[in-house]
Amino acid sequence: MEKKFMGFSWSLVGVLMFIMILIAKSKSVDAITCQEALLSLMPCRPFLTGGESTPVATCCSAVANINAAATTTAIRKDLCRCLEAASRSEGVDPDKAKQLPQLCGVTVAISFDPTINCDTIK
């Protein structure tokens, strides 16, 4: 005899719980991580370090995607700190970083300027 929980078989309850966990996780993991942001910005490196005069299309797509993922003040501040630290270690030209959103035609909610005070980000 199959055991039941509130009239449902245990296997059905297990499947429903699994689906609910997946849905909950997908909603809570919508923030972009520092590593994801840095990996997506790899096509921007030649421009940001002075090797290229203009950013490539894949770089601009990354800028737009990162900006779209920066949906809260906390995410924007975290990304700002992440980009600031990476800029120092990768030899990013601060002027090029400031120009990047404009050259890509993206109005950003986060700053790509490595000299900005990230605590002032809203």
PDB file of N, CA and C in Angstrom:
ATOM      1  N   MET A   1       0.848  -1.174   0.000  1.00  0.00           N
ATOM      2  CA  MET A   1       0.000   0.000   0.000  1.00  0.00           C
ATOM      3  C   MET A   1       0.898   1.243   0.000  1.00  0.00           C
ATOM      4  N   GLU A   2       0.584   2.182  -0.876  1.00  0.00           N
ATOM      5  CA  GLU A   2       1.384   3.393  -1.003  1.00  0.00           C
ATOM      6  C   GLU A   2       0.994   4.392   0.089  1.00  0.00           C
ATOM      7  N   LYS A   3       2.006   4.998   0.719  1.00  0.00           N
ATOM      8  CA  LYS A   3       1.742   5.981   1.768  1.00  0.00           C
ATOM      9  C   LYS A   3       1.307   7.286   1.122  1.00  0.00           C
ATOM     10  N   LYS A   4       0.467   8.010   1.818  1.00  0.00           N
ATOM     11  CA  LYS A   4      -0.075   9.248   1.282  1.00  0.00           C
ATOM     12  C   LYS A   4       0.158  10.394   2.253  1.00  0.00           C
ATOM     13  N   PHE A   5       0.250  11.569   1.692  1.00  0.00           N
ATOM     14  CA  PHE A   5       0.391  12.796   2.472  1.00  0.00           C
ATOM     15  C   PHE A   5      -0.689  13.750   1.983  1.00  0.00           C
ATOM     16  N   MET A   6      -1.629  14.074   2.845  1.00  0.00           N
ATOM     17  CA  MET A   6      -2.755  14.940   2.508  1.00  0.00           C
ATOM     18  C   MET A   6      -3.465  14.444   1.236  1.00  0.00           C
ATOM     19  N   GLY A   7      -3.560  13.151   1.095  1.00  0.00           N
ATOM     20  CA  GLY A   7      -4.274  12.561  -0.029  1.00  0.00           C
ATOM     21  C   GLY A   7      -3.434  12.358  -1.277  1.00  0.00           C
ATOM     22  N   PHE A   8      -2.163  12.811  -1.254  1.00  0.00           N
ATOM     23  CA  PHE A   8      -1.290  12.671  -2.423  1.00  0.00           C
ATOM     24  C   PHE A   8      -0.234  11.621  -2.140  1.00  0.00           C
ATOM     25  N   SER A   9       0.204  10.939  -3.192  1.00  0.00           N
ATOM     26  CA  SER A   9       1.279   9.962  -3.011  1.00  0.00           C
ATOM     27  C   SER A   9       2.560  10.701  -2.687  1.00  0.00           C
ATOM     28  N   TRP A  10       3.475  10.066  -1.960  1.00  0.00           N
ATOM     29  CA  TRP A  10       4.732  10.683  -1.570  1.00  0.00           C
ATOM     30  C   TRP A  10       5.561  11.053  -2.793  1.00  0.00           C
ATOM     31  N   SER A  11       5.506  10.262  -3.855  1.00  0.00           N
ATOM     32  CA  SER A  11       6.301  10.580  -5.049  1.00  0.00           C
ATOM     33  C   SER A  11       5.818  11.881  -5.675  1.00  0.00           C
ATOM     34  N   LEU A  12       4.517  12.108  -5.708  1.00  0.00           N
ATOM     35  CA  LEU A  12       3.985  13.363  -6.259  1.00  0.00           C
ATOM     36  C   LEU A  12       4.386  14.537  -5.366  1.00  0.00           C
ATOM     37  N   VAL A  13       4.334  14.349  -4.050  1.00  0.00           N
ATOM     38  CA  VAL A  13       4.737  15.402  -3.113  1.00  0.00           C
ATOM     39  C   VAL A  13       6.212  15.752  -3.341  1.00  0.00           C
ATOM     40  N   GLY A  14       7.048  14.731  -3.529  1.00  0.00           N
ATOM     41  CA  GLY A  14       8.471  14.962  -3.774  1.00  0.00           C
ATOM     42  C   GLY A  14       8.701  15.756  -5.049  1.00  0.00           C
ATOM     43  N   VAL A  15       8.014  15.426  -6.110  1.00  0.00           N
ATOM     44  CA  VAL A  15       8.152  16.145  -7.383  1.00  0.00           C
ATOM     45  C   VAL A  15       7.705  17.601  -7.222  1.00  0.00           C
ATOM     46  N   LEU A  16       6.602  17.799  -6.549  1.00  0.00           N
ATOM     47  CA  LEU A  16       6.106  19.168  -6.344  1.00  0.00           C
ATOM     48  C   LEU A  16       7.083  19.986  -5.503  1.00  0.00           C
ATOM     49  N   MET A  17       7.675  19.374  -4.478  1.00  0.00           N
ATOM     50  CA  MET A  17       8.656  20.083  -3.649  1.00  0.00           C
ATOM     51  C   MET A  17       9.886  20.452  -4.481  1.00  0.00           C
ATOM     52  N   PHE A  18      10.338  19.539  -5.331  1.00  0.00           N
ATOM     53  CA  PHE A  18      11.490  19.796  -6.189  1.00  0.00           C
ATOM     54  C   PHE A  18      11.202  20.977  -7.116  1.00  0.00           C
ATOM     55  N   ILE A  19      10.026  21.005  -7.708  1.00  0.00           N
ATOM     56  CA  ILE A  19       9.650  22.104  -8.607  1.00  0.00           C
ATOM     57  C   ILE A  19       9.598  23.428  -7.844  1.00  0.00           C
ATOM     58  N   MET A  20       9.053  23.404  -6.632  1.00  0.00           N
ATOM     59  CA  MET A  20       8.971  24.630  -5.843  1.00  0.00           C
ATOM     60  C   MET A  20      10.362  25.143  -5.487  1.00  0.00           C
ATOM     61  N   ILE A  21      11.295  24.243  -5.185  1.00  0.00           N
ATOM     62  CA  ILE A  21      12.664  24.648  -4.862  1.00  0.00           C
ATOM     63  C   ILE A  21      13.323  25.269  -6.084  1.00  0.00           C
ATOM     64  N   LEU A  22      13.141  24.675  -7.254  1.00  0.00           N
ATOM     65  CA  LEU A  22      13.718  25.227  -8.482  1.00  0.00           C
ATOM     66  C   LEU A  22      13.183  26.624  -8.772  1.00  0.00           C
ATOM     67  N   ILE A  23      11.893  26.806  -8.597  1.00  0.00           N
ATOM     68  CA  ILE A  23      11.294  28.110  -8.846  1.00  0.00           C
ATOM     69  C   ILE A  23      11.833  29.134  -7.857  1.00  0.00           C
ATOM     70  N   ALA A  24      11.920  28.768  -6.586  1.00  0.00           N
ATOM     71  CA  ALA A  24      12.437  29.690  -5.571  1.00  0.00           C
ATOM     72  C   ALA A  24      13.882  30.056  -5.861  1.00  0.00           C
ATOM     73  N   LYS A  25      14.701  29.081  -6.248  1.00  0.00           N
ATOM     74  CA  LYS A  25      16.105  29.356  -6.536  1.00  0.00           C
ATOM     75  C   LYS A  25      16.249  30.252  -7.755  1.00  0.00           C
ATOM     76  N   SER A  26      15.460  30.021  -8.779  1.00  0.00           N
ATOM     77  CA  SER A  26      15.600  30.819  -9.992  1.00  0.00           C
ATOM     78  C   SER A  26      15.242  32.280  -9.733  1.00  0.00           C
ATOM     79  N   LYS A  27      14.329  32.534  -8.816  1.00  0.00           N
ATOM     80  CA  LYS A  27      13.974  33.914  -8.505  1.00  0.00           C
ATOM     81  C   LYS A  27      15.010  34.580  -7.606  1.00  0.00           C
ATOM     82  N   SER A  28      15.675  33.821  -6.756  1.00  0.00           N
ATOM     83  CA  SER A  28      16.610  34.427  -5.815  1.00  0.00           C
ATOM     84  C   SER A  28      18.026  34.540  -6.366  1.00  0.00           C
ATOM     85  N   VAL A  29      18.293  33.976  -7.526  1.00  0.00           N
ATOM     86  CA  VAL A  29      19.634  33.991  -8.083  1.00  0.00           C
ATOM     87  C   VAL A  29      19.668  34.834  -9.347  1.00  0.00           C
ATOM     88  N   ASP A  30      19.017  35.983  -9.311  1.00  0.00           N
ATOM     89  CA  ASP A  30      18.993  36.817 -10.503  1.00  0.00           C
ATOM     90  C   ASP A  30      20.086  37.881 -10.491  1.00  0.00           C
ATOM     91  N   ALA A  31      20.855  37.966  -9.425  1.00  0.00           N
ATOM     92  CA  ALA A  31      21.932  38.951  -9.342  1.00  0.00           C
ATOM     93  C   ALA A  31      23.164  38.418 -10.062  1.00  0.00           C
ATOM     94  N   ILE A  32      23.908  39.317 -10.665  1.00  0.00           N
ATOM     95  CA  ILE A  32      25.143  38.938 -11.340  1.00  0.00           C
ATOM     96  C   ILE A  32      26.279  38.966 -10.325  1.00  0.00           C
ATOM     97  N   THR A  33      27.157  38.002 -10.412  1.00  0.00           N
ATOM     98  CA  THR A  33      28.296  37.956  -9.494  1.00  0.00           C
ATOM     99  C   THR A  33      29.458  38.739 -10.089  1.00  0.00           C
ATOM    100  N   CYS A  34      30.425  39.020  -9.253  1.00  0.00           N
ATOM    101  CA  CYS A  34      31.630  39.711  -9.703  1.00  0.00           C
ATOM    102  C   CYS A  34      32.325  38.898 -10.791  1.00  0.00           C
ATOM    103  N   GLN A  35      32.479  37.616 -10.555  1.00  0.00           N
ATOM    104  CA  GLN A  35      33.161  36.760 -11.525  1.00  0.00           C
ATOM    105  C   GLN A  35      32.421  36.742 -12.867  1.00  0.00           C
ATOM    106  N   GLU A  36      31.101  36.660 -12.818  1.00  0.00           N
ATOM    107  CA  GLU A  36      30.319  36.671 -14.062  1.00  0.00           C
ATOM    108  C   GLU A  36      30.502  37.993 -14.811  1.00  0.00           C
ATOM    109  N   ALA A  37      30.503  39.095 -14.064  1.00  0.00           N
ATOM    110  CA  ALA A  37      30.678  40.404 -14.691  1.00  0.00           C
ATOM    111  C   ALA A  37      32.052  40.505 -15.345  1.00  0.00           C
ATOM    112  N   LEU A  38      33.085  40.084 -14.629  1.00  0.00           N
ATOM    113  CA  LEU A  38      34.448  40.178 -15.165  1.00  0.00           C
ATOM    114  C   LEU A  38      34.632  39.277 -16.382  1.00  0.00           C
ATOM    115  N   LEU A  39      34.078  38.085 -16.340  1.00  0.00           N
ATOM    116  CA  LEU A  39      34.177  37.184 -17.486  1.00  0.00           C
ATOM    117  C   LEU A  39      33.464  37.766 -18.706  1.00  0.00           C
ATOM    118  N   SER A  40      32.307  38.347 -18.486  1.00  0.00           N
ATOM    119  CA  SER A  40      31.569  38.903 -19.622  1.00  0.00           C
ATOM    120  C   SER A  40      32.261  40.136 -20.202  1.00  0.00           C
ATOM    121  N   LEU A  41      33.053  40.827 -19.380  1.00  0.00           N
ATOM    122  CA  LEU A  41      33.759  42.021 -19.855  1.00  0.00           C
ATOM    123  C   LEU A  41      35.103  41.717 -20.518  1.00  0.00           C
ATOM    124  N   MET A  42      35.475  40.460 -20.640  1.00  0.00           N
ATOM    125  CA  MET A  42      36.751  40.112 -21.271  1.00  0.00           C
ATOM    126  C   MET A  42      36.912  40.717 -22.670  1.00  0.00           C
ATOM    127  N   PRO A  43      35.874  40.781 -23.489  1.00  0.00           N
ATOM    128  CA  PRO A  43      36.043  41.415 -24.804  1.00  0.00           C
ATOM    129  C   PRO A  43      36.374  42.913 -24.720  1.00  0.00           C
ATOM    130  N   CYS A  44      36.172  43.516 -23.556  1.00  0.00           N
ATOM    131  CA  CYS A  44      36.456  44.945 -23.365  1.00  0.00           C
ATOM    132  C   CYS A  44      37.915  45.202 -23.011  1.00  0.00           C
ATOM    133  N   ARG A  45      38.624  44.162 -22.612  1.00  0.00           N
ATOM    134  CA  ARG A  45      39.987  44.327 -22.110  1.00  0.00           C
ATOM    135  C   ARG A  45      40.917  45.067 -23.075  1.00  0.00           C
ATOM    136  N   PRO A  46      40.940  44.709 -24.376  1.00  0.00           N
ATOM    137  CA  PRO A  46      41.845  45.439 -25.285  1.00  0.00           C
ATOM    138  C   PRO A  46      41.551  46.945 -25.324  1.00  0.00           C
ATOM    139  N   PHE A  47      40.278  47.298 -25.267  1.00  0.00           N
ATOM    140  CA  PHE A  47      39.929  48.722 -25.259  1.00  0.00           C
ATOM    141  C   PHE A  47      40.316  49.359 -23.924  1.00  0.00           C
ATOM    142  N   LEU A  48      39.964  48.717 -22.830  1.00  0.00           N
ATOM    143  CA  LEU A  48      40.183  49.301 -21.507  1.00  0.00           C
ATOM    144  C   LEU A  48      41.658  49.443 -21.133  1.00  0.00           C
ATOM    145  N   THR A  49      42.495  48.612 -21.701  1.00  0.00           N
ATOM    146  CA  THR A  49      43.921  48.687 -21.384  1.00  0.00           C
ATOM    147  C   THR A  49      44.710  49.471 -22.432  1.00  0.00           C
ATOM    148  N   GLY A  50      44.012  50.057 -23.400  1.00  0.00           N
ATOM    149  CA  GLY A  50      44.671  50.933 -24.361  1.00  0.00           C
ATOM    150  C   GLY A  50      45.098  50.287 -25.666  1.00  0.00           C
ATOM    151  N   GLY A  51      44.813  49.007 -25.853  1.00  0.00           N
ATOM    152  CA  GLY A  51      45.224  48.325 -27.076  1.00  0.00           C
ATOM    153  C   GLY A  51      44.335  48.620 -28.280  1.00  0.00           C
ATOM    154  N   GLU A  52      43.103  49.008 -28.039  1.00  0.00           N
ATOM    155  CA  GLU A  52      42.155  49.310 -29.113  1.00  0.00           C
ATOM    156  C   GLU A  52      41.567  50.697 -28.884  1.00  0.00           C
ATOM    157  N   SER A  53      41.191  51.350 -29.972  1.00  0.00           N
ATOM    158  CA  SER A  53      40.655  52.710 -29.854  1.00  0.00           C
ATOM    159  C   SER A  53      39.149  52.736 -29.607  1.00  0.00           C
ATOM    160  N   THR A  54      38.460  51.650 -29.960  1.00  0.00           N
ATOM    161  CA  THR A  54      37.016  51.573 -29.723  1.00  0.00           C
ATOM    162  C   THR A  54      36.662  50.182 -29.198  1.00  0.00           C
ATOM    163  N   PRO A  55      35.600  50.087 -28.406  1.00  0.00           N
ATOM    164  CA  PRO A  55      35.181  48.774 -27.909  1.00  0.00           C
ATOM    165  C   PRO A  55      34.485  47.971 -29.016  1.00  0.00           C
ATOM    166  N   VAL A  56      34.649  46.652 -28.978  1.00  0.00           N
ATOM    167  CA  VAL A  56      33.987  45.780 -29.947  1.00  0.00           C
ATOM    168  C   VAL A  56      32.531  45.558 -29.530  1.00  0.00           C
ATOM    169  N   ALA A  57      31.728  45.053 -30.451  1.00  0.00           N
ATOM    170  CA  ALA A  57      30.295  44.855 -30.201  1.00  0.00           C
ATOM    171  C   ALA A  57      30.030  43.921 -29.028  1.00  0.00           C
ATOM    172  N   THR A  58      30.834  42.866 -28.891  1.00  0.00           N
ATOM    173  CA  THR A  58      30.611  41.937 -27.772  1.00  0.00           C
ATOM    174  C   THR A  58      30.888  42.601 -26.424  1.00  0.00           C
ATOM    175  N   CYS A  59      31.793  43.545 -26.419  1.00  0.00           N
ATOM    176  CA  CYS A  59      32.067  44.320 -25.210  1.00  0.00           C
ATOM    177  C   CYS A  59      30.839  45.153 -24.848  1.00  0.00           C
ATOM    178  N   CYS A  60      30.299  45.832 -25.845  1.00  0.00           N
ATOM    179  CA  CYS A  60      29.128  46.683 -25.593  1.00  0.00           C
ATOM    180  C   CYS A  60      27.919  45.866 -25.154  1.00  0.00           C
ATOM    181  N   SER A  61      27.767  44.671 -25.690  1.00  0.00           N
ATOM    182  CA  SER A  61      26.685  43.785 -25.241  1.00  0.00           C
ATOM    183  C   SER A  61      26.872  43.426 -23.776  1.00  0.00           C
ATOM    184  N   ALA A  62      28.112  43.173 -23.385  1.00  0.00           N
ATOM    185  CA  ALA A  62      28.408  42.849 -21.988  1.00  0.00           C
ATOM    186  C   ALA A  62      28.070  44.026 -21.076  1.00  0.00           C
ATOM    187  N   VAL A  63      28.424  45.232 -21.496  1.00  0.00           N
ATOM    188  CA  VAL A  63      28.116  46.430 -20.704  1.00  0.00           C
ATOM    189  C   VAL A  63      26.606  46.546 -20.509  1.00  0.00           C
ATOM    190  N   ALA A  64      25.846  46.357 -21.576  1.00  0.00           N
ATOM    191  CA  ALA A  64      24.381  46.448 -21.495  1.00  0.00           C
ATOM    192  C   ALA A  64      23.813  45.357 -20.595  1.00  0.00           C
ATOM    193  N   ASN A  65      24.342  44.139 -20.700  1.00  0.00           N
ATOM    194  CA  ASN A  65      23.839  43.033 -19.885  1.00  0.00           C
ATOM    195  C   ASN A  65      24.152  43.221 -18.404  1.00  0.00           C
ATOM    196  N   ILE A  66      25.346  43.691 -18.111  1.00  0.00           N
ATOM    197  CA  ILE A  66      25.719  43.942 -16.713  1.00  0.00           C
ATOM    198  C   ILE A  66      24.841  45.052 -16.145  1.00  0.00           C
ATOM    199  N   ASN A  67      24.635  46.090 -16.914  1.00  0.00           N
ATOM    200  CA  ASN A  67      23.785  47.181 -16.471  1.00  0.00           C
ATOM    201  C   ASN A  67      22.366  46.688 -16.191  1.00  0.00           C
ATOM    202  N   ALA A  68      21.843  45.829 -17.060  1.00  0.00           N
ATOM    203  CA  ALA A  68      20.492  45.294 -16.871  1.00  0.00           C
ATOM    204  C   ALA A  68      20.401  44.414 -15.623  1.00  0.00           C
ATOM    205  N   ALA A  69      21.488  43.747 -15.281  1.00  0.00           N
ATOM    206  CA  ALA A  69      21.493  42.867 -14.110  1.00  0.00           C
ATOM    207  C   ALA A  69      21.662  43.628 -12.802  1.00  0.00           C
ATOM    208  N   ALA A  70      22.091  44.866 -12.879  1.00  0.00           N
ATOM    209  CA  ALA A  70      22.329  45.676 -11.676  1.00  0.00           C
ATOM    210  C   ALA A  70      21.024  46.316 -11.224  1.00  0.00           C
ATOM    211  N   THR A  71      20.132  45.501 -10.675  1.00  0.00           N
ATOM    212  CA  THR A  71      18.771  45.933 -10.381  1.00  0.00           C
ATOM    213  C   THR A  71      18.566  46.543  -9.005  1.00  0.00           C
ATOM    214  N   THR A  72      19.544  46.404  -8.116  1.00  0.00           N
ATOM    215  CA  THR A  72      19.394  46.980  -6.778  1.00  0.00           C
ATOM    216  C   THR A  72      20.642  47.786  -6.417  1.00  0.00           C
ATOM    217  N   THR A  73      20.494  48.636  -5.436  1.00  0.00           N
ATOM    218  CA  THR A  73      21.636  49.425  -4.968  1.00  0.00           C
ATOM    219  C   THR A  73      22.754  48.510  -4.477  1.00  0.00           C
ATOM    220  N   ALA A  74      22.403  47.455  -3.762  1.00  0.00           N
ATOM    221  CA  ALA A  74      23.424  46.534  -3.245  1.00  0.00           C
ATOM    222  C   ALA A  74      24.203  45.879  -4.380  1.00  0.00           C
ATOM    223  N   ILE A  75      23.513  45.449  -5.416  1.00  0.00           N
ATOM    224  CA  ILE A  75      24.185  44.835  -6.569  1.00  0.00           C
ATOM    225  C   ILE A  75      25.081  45.856  -7.252  1.00  0.00           C
ATOM    226  N   ARG A  76      24.581  47.071  -7.431  1.00  0.00           N
ATOM    227  CA  ARG A  76      25.378  48.122  -8.092  1.00  0.00           C
ATOM    228  C   ARG A  76      26.637  48.445  -7.291  1.00  0.00           C
ATOM    229  N   LYS A  77      26.517  48.521  -5.967  1.00  0.00           N
ATOM    230  CA  LYS A  77      27.696  48.791  -5.130  1.00  0.00           C
ATOM    231  C   LYS A  77      28.692  47.640  -5.198  1.00  0.00           C
ATOM    232  N   ASP A  78      28.190  46.407  -5.164  1.00  0.00           N
ATOM    233  CA  ASP A  78      29.074  45.239  -5.259  1.00  0.00           C
ATOM    234  C   ASP A  78      29.799  45.226  -6.599  1.00  0.00           C
ATOM    235  N   LEU A  79      29.079  45.497  -7.670  1.00  0.00           N
ATOM    236  CA  LEU A  79      29.708  45.536  -8.990  1.00  0.00           C
ATOM    237  C   LEU A  79      30.724  46.666  -9.080  1.00  0.00           C
ATOM    238  N   CYS A  80      30.425  47.791  -8.501  1.00  0.00           N
ATOM    239  CA  CYS A  80      31.348  48.923  -8.501  1.00  0.00           C
ATOM    240  C   CYS A  80      32.662  48.523  -7.827  1.00  0.00           C
ATOM    241  N   ARG A  81      32.551  47.901  -6.655  1.00  0.00           N
ATOM    242  CA  ARG A  81      33.762  47.465  -5.930  1.00  0.00           C
ATOM    243  C   ARG A  81      34.536  46.410  -6.725  1.00  0.00           C
ATOM    244  N   CYS A  82      33.801  45.521  -7.341  1.00  0.00           N
ATOM    245  CA  CYS A  82      34.409  44.469  -8.157  1.00  0.00           C
ATOM    246  C   CYS A  82      35.181  45.078  -9.326  1.00  0.00           C
ATOM    247  N   LEU A  83      34.543  45.987 -10.051  1.00  0.00           N
ATOM    248  CA  LEU A  83      35.180  46.611 -11.211  1.00  0.00           C
ATOM    249  C   LEU A  83      36.353  47.489 -10.788  1.00  0.00           C
ATOM    250  N   GLU A  84      36.214  48.142  -9.654  1.00  0.00           N
ATOM    251  CA  GLU A  84      37.293  48.984  -9.141  1.00  0.00           C
ATOM    252  C   GLU A  84      38.545  48.149  -8.848  1.00  0.00           C
ATOM    253  N   ALA A  85      38.362  47.026  -8.163  1.00  0.00           N
ATOM    254  CA  ALA A  85      39.494  46.151  -7.827  1.00  0.00           C
ATOM    255  C   ALA A  85      40.113  45.551  -9.088  1.00  0.00           C
ATOM    256  N   ALA A  86      39.277  45.116 -10.007  1.00  0.00           N
ATOM    257  CA  ALA A  86      39.781  44.519 -11.249  1.00  0.00           C
ATOM    258  C   ALA A  86      40.516  45.552 -12.088  1.00  0.00           C
ATOM    259  N   SER A  87      40.040  46.778 -12.077  1.00  0.00           N
ATOM    260  CA  SER A  87      40.689  47.845 -12.853  1.00  0.00           C
ATOM    261  C   SER A  87      42.121  48.064 -12.392  1.00  0.00           C
ATOM    262  N   ARG A  88      42.308  48.059 -11.083  1.00  0.00           N
ATOM    263  CA  ARG A  88      43.665  48.244 -10.539  1.00  0.00           C
ATOM    264  C   ARG A  88      44.583  47.091 -10.924  1.00  0.00           C
ATOM    265  N   SER A  89      44.088  45.870 -10.811  1.00  0.00           N
ATOM    266  CA  SER A  89      44.946  44.710 -11.068  1.00  0.00           C
ATOM    267  C   SER A  89      45.179  44.455 -12.553  1.00  0.00           C
ATOM    268  N   GLU A  90      44.298  44.931 -13.406  1.00  0.00           N
ATOM    269  CA  GLU A  90      44.415  44.662 -14.845  1.00  0.00           C
ATOM    270  C   GLU A  90      44.986  45.828 -15.638  1.00  0.00           C
ATOM    271  N   GLY A  91      45.319  46.912 -14.976  1.00  0.00           N
ATOM    272  CA  GLY A  91      45.904  48.055 -15.677  1.00  0.00           C
ATOM    273  C   GLY A  91      44.935  48.794 -16.575  1.00  0.00           C
ATOM    274  N   VAL A  92      43.714  48.942 -16.113  1.00  0.00           N
ATOM    275  CA  VAL A  92      42.686  49.639 -16.891  1.00  0.00           C
ATOM    276  C   VAL A  92      42.950  51.137 -16.871  1.00  0.00           C
ATOM    277  N   ASP A  93      42.829  51.747 -18.029  1.00  0.00           N
ATOM    278  CA  ASP A  93      42.946  53.199 -18.167  1.00  0.00           C
ATOM    279  C   ASP A  93      41.640  53.813 -17.659  1.00  0.00           C
ATOM    280  N   PRO A  94      41.671  54.589 -16.560  1.00  0.00           N
ATOM    281  CA  PRO A  94      40.443  55.152 -15.999  1.00  0.00           C
ATOM    282  C   PRO A  94      39.640  55.981 -17.004  1.00  0.00           C
ATOM    283  N   ASP A  95      40.318  56.715 -17.875  1.00  0.00           N
ATOM    284  CA  ASP A  95      39.600  57.519 -18.871  1.00  0.00           C
ATOM    285  C   ASP A  95      38.833  56.633 -19.846  1.00  0.00           C
ATOM    286  N   LYS A  96      39.440  55.532 -20.243  1.00  0.00           N
ATOM    287  CA  LYS A  96      38.755  54.598 -21.157  1.00  0.00           C
ATOM    288  C   LYS A  96      37.555  53.960 -20.457  1.00  0.00           C
ATOM    289  N   ALA A  97      37.710  53.631 -19.173  1.00  0.00           N
ATOM    290  CA  ALA A  97      36.608  53.037 -18.411  1.00  0.00           C
ATOM    291  C   ALA A  97      35.432  54.011 -18.323  1.00  0.00           C
ATOM    292  N   LYS A  98      35.727  55.292 -18.133  1.00  0.00           N
ATOM    293  CA  LYS A  98      34.668  56.306 -18.072  1.00  0.00           C
ATOM    294  C   LYS A  98      33.966  56.453 -19.417  1.00  0.00           C
ATOM    295  N   GLN A  99      34.713  56.298 -20.524  1.00  0.00           N
ATOM    296  CA  GLN A  99      34.157  56.465 -21.865  1.00  0.00           C
ATOM    297  C   GLN A  99      33.327  55.264 -22.327  1.00  0.00           C
ATOM    298  N   LEU A 100      33.598  54.107 -21.752  1.00  0.00           N
ATOM    299  CA  LEU A 100      33.007  52.861 -22.246  1.00  0.00           C
ATOM    300  C   LEU A 100      31.488  52.896 -22.403  1.00  0.00           C
ATOM    301  N   PRO A 101      30.708  53.255 -21.384  1.00  0.00           N
ATOM    302  CA  PRO A 101      29.248  53.245 -21.561  1.00  0.00           C
ATOM    303  C   PRO A 101      28.789  54.172 -22.699  1.00  0.00           C
ATOM    304  N   GLN A 102      29.366  55.356 -22.780  1.00  0.00           N
ATOM    305  CA  GLN A 102      28.965  56.296 -23.825  1.00  0.00           C
ATOM    306  C   GLN A 102      29.313  55.761 -25.214  1.00  0.00           C
ATOM    307  N   LEU A 103      30.513  55.211 -25.368  1.00  0.00           N
ATOM    308  CA  LEU A 103      30.907  54.654 -26.658  1.00  0.00           C
ATOM    309  C   LEU A 103      30.042  53.465 -27.059  1.00  0.00           C
ATOM    310  N   CYS A 104      29.517  52.768 -26.068  1.00  0.00           N
ATOM    311  CA  CYS A 104      28.630  51.629 -26.337  1.00  0.00           C
ATOM    312  C   CYS A 104      27.169  52.053 -26.482  1.00  0.00           C
ATOM    313  N   GLY A 105      26.879  53.310 -26.213  1.00  0.00           N
ATOM    314  CA  GLY A 105      25.505  53.789 -26.318  1.00  0.00           C
ATOM    315  C   GLY A 105      24.606  53.245 -25.222  1.00  0.00           C
ATOM    316  N   VAL A 106      25.181  53.035 -24.040  1.00  0.00           N
ATOM    317  CA  VAL A 106      24.428  52.474 -22.915  1.00  0.00           C
ATOM    318  C   VAL A 106      24.393  53.485 -21.783  1.00  0.00           C
ATOM    319  N   THR A 107      23.199  53.821 -21.332  1.00  0.00           N
ATOM    320  CA  THR A 107      23.051  54.652 -20.144  1.00  0.00           C
ATOM    321  C   THR A 107      23.094  53.705 -18.955  1.00  0.00           C
ATOM    322  N   VAL A 108      24.104  53.862 -18.120  1.00  0.00           N
ATOM    323  CA  VAL A 108      24.326  52.887 -17.053  1.00  0.00           C
ATOM    324  C   VAL A 108      23.878  53.378 -15.686  1.00  0.00           C
ATOM    325  N   ALA A 109      23.424  52.413 -14.883  1.00  0.00           N
ATOM    326  CA  ALA A 109      23.063  52.684 -13.494  1.00  0.00           C
ATOM    327  C   ALA A 109      24.249  52.413 -12.583  1.00  0.00           C
ATOM    328  N   ILE A 110      25.269  51.760 -13.127  1.00  0.00           N
ATOM    329  CA  ILE A 110      26.495  51.499 -12.366  1.00  0.00           C
ATOM    330  C   ILE A 110      27.618  52.280 -13.018  1.00  0.00           C
ATOM    331  N   SER A 111      28.670  52.469 -12.272  1.00  0.00           N
ATOM    332  CA  SER A 111      29.795  53.221 -12.814  1.00  0.00           C
ATOM    333  C   SER A 111      30.905  52.270 -13.233  1.00  0.00           C
ATOM    334  N   PHE A 112      31.452  52.524 -14.406  1.00  0.00           N
ATOM    335  CA  PHE A 112      32.622  51.776 -14.858  1.00  0.00           C
ATOM    336  C   PHE A 112      33.885  52.577 -14.549  1.00  0.00           C
ATOM    337  N   ASP A 113      33.720  53.718 -13.896  1.00  0.00           N
ATOM    338  CA  ASP A 113      34.827  54.598 -13.519  1.00  0.00           C
ATOM    339  C   ASP A 113      35.530  54.020 -12.295  1.00  0.00           C
ATOM    340  N   PRO A 114      36.781  53.583 -12.440  1.00  0.00           N
ATOM    341  CA  PRO A 114      37.475  52.972 -11.309  1.00  0.00           C
ATOM    342  C   PRO A 114      37.883  53.947 -10.203  1.00  0.00           C
ATOM    343  N   THR A 115      37.668  55.234 -10.431  1.00  0.00           N
ATOM    344  CA  THR A 115      38.058  56.228  -9.416  1.00  0.00           C
ATOM    345  C   THR A 115      36.874  56.699  -8.582  1.00  0.00           C
ATOM    346  N   ILE A 116      35.686  56.198  -8.853  1.00  0.00           N
ATOM    347  CA  ILE A 116      34.483  56.647  -8.134  1.00  0.00           C
ATOM    348  C   ILE A 116      34.427  56.023  -6.733  1.00  0.00           C
ATOM    349  N   ASN A 117      33.818  56.723  -5.813  1.00  0.00           N
ATOM    350  CA  ASN A 117      33.569  56.191  -4.472  1.00  0.00           C
ATOM    351  C   ASN A 117      32.309  55.319  -4.551  1.00  0.00           C
ATOM    352  N   CYS A 118      32.470  54.024  -4.448  1.00  0.00           N
ATOM    353  CA  CYS A 118      31.362  53.087  -4.618  1.00  0.00           C
ATOM    354  C   CYS A 118      30.270  53.262  -3.562  1.00  0.00           C
ATOM    355  N   ASP A 119      30.596  53.854  -2.425  1.00  0.00           N
ATOM    356  CA  ASP A 119      29.592  54.074  -1.391  1.00  0.00           C
ATOM    357  C   ASP A 119      28.566  55.124  -1.809  1.00  0.00           C
ATOM    358  N   THR A 120      28.865  55.902  -2.838  1.00  0.00           N
ATOM    359  CA  THR A 120      27.918  56.932  -3.285  1.00  0.00           C
ATOM    360  C   THR A 120      26.942  56.412  -4.335  1.00  0.00           C
ATOM    361  N   ILE A 121      27.109  55.173  -4.775  1.00  0.00           N
ATOM    362  CA  ILE A 121      26.243  54.564  -5.780  1.00  0.00           C
ATOM    363  C   ILE A 121      24.843  54.365  -5.184  1.00  0.00           C
ATOM    364  N   LYS A 122      23.848  54.677  -5.973  1.00  0.00           N
ATOM    365  CA  LYS A 122      22.447  54.483  -5.520  1.00  0.00           C
ATOM    366  C   LYS A 122      21.736  53.499  -6.392  1.00  0.00           C
TER     367      LYS A 122
END
